[in-house]
């Protein structure tokens, strides 16, 4: 363009109106470049290239700000490739984030009362948060409310009621009548009277490593109860008349209703 202007000036003798015209054209050409250089620490922004230069020593030393006043978005980045890659931001922030005086790689701050961010996908997974140490925290927050749809009150897919119920489910019990009838229980499959004062209670789960205790439920003449494991699922219970457990006199086996508890 400037070569063309010089050619025109040489043909016209560089006099009269051409001097004015040439001055205006040069000003129009130079001004945008000067503005771009001033706005970017004296360096222009180039599309499809590393900015400001492939030489890392020439990195910008001031913020490059893009300020807009529009009803939509101030800037928009997109990639039409099927491989994705709309944008990537990298930095070398120290630990602690803003609170520690270290700016995070990305910070979205709403200066009003709206949302600071939204993540939207057409897939069934919203995203992924990775930490160098897998035992680290994925994120922290000062908010104490329950996040709608996040199931923040759930652990491994269970809420507090589920966890309590699961813990209670570890405590197995059986309520057995004097005739060996299983009246109630948790985890108890069956009960039977095998002889005077002798019963078997079978549980569905393995109770071989559980602690168990049986208590007669009669008020009058309640005696001692002996329990032992017969196999991985079955506990033997012996009820007696009131008195000691030496097997003689008032301690002879006798049919009694009882409760059996297995704590696993």
Protein backbone atom coordinates (compact mmCIF):
# COMPACT_ATOMS: atom_id res chain seq x y z
CA UNK A 1 0.00 0.00 0.00
CA UNK A 2 2.73 2.46 0.93
CA UNK A 3 4.65 1.56 -2.28
CA UNK A 4 1.53 2.37 -4.28
CA UNK A 5 1.19 5.71 -2.51
CA UNK A 6 4.80 6.61 -3.25
CA UNK A 7 4.27 5.71 -6.92
CA UNK A 8 1.22 7.93 -7.15
CA UNK A 9 3.07 10.77 -5.46
CA UNK A 10 6.00 10.49 -7.87
CA UNK A 11 3.66 10.68 -10.86
CA UNK A 12 1.88 13.72 -9.45
CA UNK A 13 5.00 15.50 -8.34
CA UNK A 14 4.12 15.13 -4.69
CA UNK A 15 2.39 18.50 -4.67
CA UNK A 16 -0.96 19.92 -3.86
CA UNK A 17 -3.81 17.67 -2.67
CA UNK A 18 -1.75 14.49 -2.98
CA UNK A 19 0.35 15.49 0.00
CA UNK A 20 -2.79 15.74 2.15
CA UNK A 21 -4.25 12.48 0.81
CA UNK A 22 -1.04 10.57 1.40
CA UNK A 23 -0.79 11.85 4.96
CA UNK A 24 -4.35 10.66 5.71
CA UNK A 25 -3.71 7.21 4.20
CA UNK A 26 -0.52 6.71 6.15
CA UNK A 27 -2.29 7.72 9.37
CA UNK A 28 -5.09 5.21 8.74
CA UNK A 29 -2.57 2.44 8.15
CA UNK A 30 -0.36 3.14 11.13
CA UNK A 31 -2.99 3.90 13.82
CA UNK A 32 -4.52 0.37 14.20
CA UNK A 33 -1.06 -1.16 14.45
CA UNK A 34 -0.05 1.35 17.06
CA UNK A 35 -3.23 0.66 19.08
CA UNK A 36 -2.68 -3.12 18.91
CA UNK A 37 0.92 -2.76 20.03
CA UNK A 38 -0.02 -0.45 22.90
CA UNK A 39 -2.82 -2.71 24.14
CA UNK A 40 -0.55 -5.76 24.25
CA UNK A 41 2.55 -4.44 25.93
CA UNK A 42 3.89 -3.23 22.61
CA UNK A 43 3.27 -6.56 20.82
CA UNK A 44 0.56 -7.57 18.36
CA UNK A 45 -1.59 -10.68 18.76
CA UNK A 46 -1.22 -13.16 15.88
CA UNK A 47 -3.78 -15.77 14.94
CA UNK A 48 -2.64 -19.38 14.55
CA UNK A 49 0.64 -18.73 16.31
CA UNK A 50 2.21 -18.53 19.76
CA UNK A 51 1.81 -15.04 21.17
CA UNK A 52 3.62 -12.79 21.49
CA UNK A 53 6.50 -14.89 20.09
CA UNK A 54 7.98 -18.36 20.00
CA UNK A 55 10.74 -16.85 22.09
CA UNK A 56 9.50 -17.28 25.68
CA UNK A 57 11.68 -14.39 26.80
CA UNK A 58 9.30 -12.05 24.98
CA UNK A 59 6.23 -13.06 27.04
CA UNK A 60 3.70 -10.36 27.94
CA UNK A 61 4.54 -8.69 31.23
CA UNK A 62 1.13 -7.07 31.74
CA UNK A 63 -2.45 -8.31 31.65
CA UNK A 64 -4.01 -8.48 28.21
CA UNK A 65 -7.55 -7.32 28.92
CA UNK A 66 -10.58 -7.75 26.70
CA UNK A 67 -13.44 -5.60 27.96
CA UNK A 68 -16.88 -5.80 26.36
CA UNK A 69 -20.31 -4.27 26.89
CA UNK A 70 -22.73 -6.66 25.24
CA UNK A 71 -25.92 -8.51 26.14
CA UNK A 72 -24.39 -11.91 25.34
CA UNK A 73 -20.76 -12.92 26.02
CA UNK A 74 -17.70 -10.73 26.00
CA UNK A 75 -15.63 -13.36 24.22
CA UNK A 76 -16.33 -16.77 22.74
CA UNK A 77 -13.92 -19.64 22.03
CA UNK A 78 -14.95 -22.69 20.06
CA UNK A 79 -13.41 -25.55 18.14
CA UNK A 80 -15.43 -27.29 15.40
CA UNK A 81 -13.15 -30.32 15.38
CA UNK A 82 -14.68 -33.63 16.51
CA UNK A 83 -11.69 -33.91 18.84
CA UNK A 84 -13.00 -31.07 21.01
CA UNK A 85 -10.47 -28.69 22.54
CA UNK A 86 -12.40 -25.44 22.93
CA UNK A 87 -9.80 -23.89 25.21
CA UNK A 88 -7.00 -24.80 27.59
CA UNK A 89 -5.55 -22.67 30.36
CA UNK A 90 -2.26 -23.41 32.07
CA UNK A 91 -0.38 -21.68 34.86
CA UNK A 92 2.08 -22.28 37.66
CA UNK A 93 0.03 -21.28 40.67
CA UNK A 94 1.32 -22.05 44.15
CA UNK A 95 -0.71 -23.88 46.80
CA UNK A 96 -3.60 -22.27 48.64
CA UNK A 97 -5.25 -20.34 45.82
CA UNK A 98 -6.53 -16.79 46.21
CA UNK A 99 -6.66 -17.03 50.01
CA UNK A 100 -2.91 -17.63 50.03
CA UNK A 101 -2.21 -14.90 47.48
CA UNK A 102 -1.79 -17.40 44.63
CA UNK A 103 -4.12 -16.83 41.70
CA UNK A 104 -5.71 -20.05 40.38
CA UNK A 105 -5.38 -20.94 36.72
CA UNK A 106 -9.05 -20.09 36.17
CA UNK A 107 -11.27 -17.80 38.23
CA UNK A 108 -14.82 -16.89 37.27
CA UNK A 109 -16.16 -14.10 39.46
CA UNK A 110 -19.65 -12.68 39.18
CA UNK A 111 -19.64 -9.11 40.45
CA UNK A 112 -23.42 -9.26 40.76
CA UNK A 113 -25.66 -11.95 42.31
CA UNK A 114 -25.93 -14.40 39.42
CA UNK A 115 -24.10 -17.63 38.66
CA UNK A 116 -20.31 -17.57 38.42
CA UNK A 117 -20.21 -20.63 36.17
CA UNK A 118 -22.23 -23.26 34.34
CA UNK A 119 -20.98 -26.51 32.79
CA UNK A 120 -23.21 -28.11 30.16
CA UNK A 121 -22.70 -31.28 28.13
CA UNK A 122 -24.77 -33.41 25.78
CA UNK A 123 -23.14 -36.52 27.30
CA UNK A 124 -23.98 -38.35 30.52
CA UNK A 125 -20.82 -37.33 32.40
CA UNK A 126 -20.35 -33.68 33.27
CA UNK A 127 -16.59 -33.72 33.72
CA UNK A 128 -13.64 -34.90 35.78
CA UNK A 129 -11.49 -33.44 38.54
CA UNK A 130 -8.03 -34.90 38.97
CA UNK A 131 -5.46 -34.29 41.70
CA UNK A 132 -1.79 -35.25 41.71
CA UNK A 133 -2.43 -37.08 44.98
CA UNK A 134 -5.55 -39.27 44.59
CA UNK A 135 -6.15 -38.98 48.34
CA UNK A 136 -6.39 -35.20 48.05
CA UNK A 137 -9.58 -33.13 48.08
CA UNK A 138 -11.41 -32.69 44.74
CA UNK A 139 -12.61 -29.27 45.90
CA UNK A 140 -13.55 -27.26 49.00
CA UNK A 141 -16.39 -24.83 49.67
CA UNK A 142 -17.54 -22.47 52.39
CA UNK A 143 -21.18 -23.20 51.56
CA UNK A 144 -23.12 -25.27 54.11
CA UNK A 145 -26.32 -25.87 52.14
CA UNK A 146 -27.24 -29.09 50.34
CA UNK A 147 -26.41 -29.01 46.62
CA UNK A 148 -29.55 -29.79 44.60
CA UNK A 149 -29.06 -32.89 42.50
CA UNK A 150 -25.51 -33.48 43.76
CA UNK A 151 -26.58 -35.96 46.47
CA UNK A 152 -24.06 -34.36 48.79
CA UNK A 153 -25.72 -36.15 51.72
CA UNK A 154 -24.90 -39.56 50.24
CA UNK A 155 -21.82 -41.77 50.67
CA UNK A 156 -21.22 -44.52 48.12
CA UNK A 157 -24.80 -44.03 46.91
CA UNK A 158 -26.29 -44.30 50.41
CA UNK A 159 -27.84 -41.59 52.54
CA UNK A 160 -27.68 -41.47 56.33
CA UNK A 161 -30.76 -43.66 56.79
CA UNK A 162 -29.28 -46.30 54.49
CA UNK A 163 -26.00 -46.29 56.38
CA UNK A 164 -27.74 -46.63 59.75
CA UNK A 165 -29.89 -49.45 58.43
CA UNK A 166 -26.81 -51.21 57.03
CA UNK A 167 -25.05 -50.89 60.40
CA UNK A 168 -28.10 -52.24 62.19
CA UNK A 169 -28.21 -55.07 59.70
CA UNK A 170 -24.84 -56.22 61.05
CA UNK A 171 -26.52 -56.90 64.40
CA UNK A 172 -28.47 -60.10 63.91
CA UNK A 173 -31.08 -61.32 66.37
CA UNK A 174 -33.70 -63.98 66.88
CA UNK A 175 -36.68 -64.14 69.24
CA UNK A 176 -37.42 -67.83 69.91
CA UNK A 177 -40.36 -69.38 71.80
CA UNK A 178 -40.00 -72.17 74.32
CA UNK A 179 -41.20 -74.63 71.68
CA UNK A 180 -38.47 -73.52 69.24
CA UNK A 181 -40.70 -71.29 67.10
CA UNK A 182 -38.91 -68.34 65.47
CA UNK A 183 -41.15 -65.42 66.45
CA UNK A 184 -39.04 -62.57 65.01
CA UNK A 185 -35.54 -61.81 63.90
CA UNK A 186 -33.09 -60.04 61.64
CA UNK A 187 -30.99 -62.32 59.49
CA UNK A 188 -32.42 -65.37 61.26
CA UNK A 189 -33.52 -68.10 58.86
CA UNK A 190 -34.96 -70.69 61.25
CA UNK A 191 -35.01 -72.00 64.82
CA UNK A 192 -35.75 -75.43 66.31
CA UNK A 193 -36.00 -77.18 69.70
CA UNK A 194 -33.82 -80.31 69.63
CA UNK A 195 -34.40 -81.52 73.22
CA UNK A 196 -35.28 -80.21 76.65
CA UNK A 197 -33.75 -76.75 76.90
CA UNK A 198 -31.67 -77.18 73.74
CA UNK A 199 -32.23 -75.12 70.59
CA UNK A 200 -30.55 -74.34 67.28
CA UNK A 201 -30.86 -70.96 65.56
CA UNK A 202 -29.75 -70.70 61.97
CA UNK A 203 -28.80 -67.34 60.39
CA UNK A 204 -28.50 -66.55 56.71
CA UNK A 205 -25.09 -64.79 56.94
CA UNK A 206 -21.93 -66.30 58.36
CA UNK A 207 -21.90 -65.79 62.16
CA UNK A 208 -18.76 -67.77 62.94
CA UNK A 209 -16.79 -64.60 63.69
CA UNK A 210 -19.58 -62.77 65.51
CA UNK A 211 -20.05 -62.19 69.23
CA UNK A 212 -23.37 -63.58 70.44
CA UNK A 213 -25.44 -63.57 73.60
CA UNK A 214 -28.71 -65.25 74.59
CA UNK A 215 -31.06 -64.17 77.35
CA UNK A 216 -34.11 -66.01 78.66
CA UNK A 217 -37.22 -63.91 78.46
CA UNK A 218 -39.14 -65.56 81.30
CA UNK A 219 -39.38 -63.45 84.42
CA UNK A 220 -39.93 -66.22 86.97
CA UNK A 221 -37.30 -68.90 87.42
CA UNK A 222 -35.03 -67.45 84.72
CA UNK A 223 -31.82 -69.43 84.52
CA UNK A 224 -28.45 -69.25 82.83
CA UNK A 225 -28.07 -69.64 79.09
CA UNK A 226 -25.14 -71.22 77.28
CA UNK A 227 -24.45 -70.51 73.59
CA UNK A 228 -21.92 -71.86 71.15
CA UNK A 229 -21.46 -72.01 67.40
CA UNK A 230 -22.27 -75.28 65.68
CA UNK A 231 -21.18 -74.18 62.19
CA UNK A 232 -20.72 -70.97 60.20
CA UNK A 233 -24.45 -70.20 60.21
CA UNK A 234 -25.86 -71.98 63.26
CA UNK A 235 -25.74 -71.14 66.97
CA UNK A 236 -26.66 -73.60 69.74
CA UNK A 237 -28.58 -72.26 72.73
CA UNK A 238 -29.26 -74.05 76.02
CA UNK A 239 -31.77 -72.74 78.56
CA UNK A 240 -31.94 -73.91 82.18
CA UNK A 241 -33.99 -73.54 85.29
CA UNK A 242 -32.90 -70.92 87.78
CA UNK A 243 -29.60 -71.51 89.48
CA UNK A 244 -26.06 -72.29 88.38
CA UNK A 245 -24.86 -73.97 85.21
CA UNK A 246 -23.34 -77.16 86.60
CA UNK A 247 -26.05 -79.38 85.09
CA UNK A 248 -27.48 -80.70 88.38
CA UNK A 249 -30.44 -79.86 90.59
CA UNK A 250 -32.20 -76.64 89.74
CA UNK A 251 -29.82 -76.07 86.81
CA UNK A 252 -31.22 -78.90 84.73
CA UNK A 253 -32.11 -77.98 81.14
CA UNK A 254 -35.60 -76.61 80.77
CA UNK A 255 -37.59 -75.16 77.87
CA UNK A 256 -37.55 -71.38 78.04
CA UNK A 257 -38.23 -68.61 75.48
CA UNK A 258 -35.15 -66.52 74.75
CA UNK A 259 -33.64 -63.75 72.67
CA UNK A 260 -30.39 -64.34 70.82
CA UNK A 261 -28.19 -61.48 69.54
CA UNK A 262 -25.22 -61.90 67.19
CA UNK A 263 -23.04 -58.78 66.81
CA UNK A 264 -20.88 -59.00 63.71
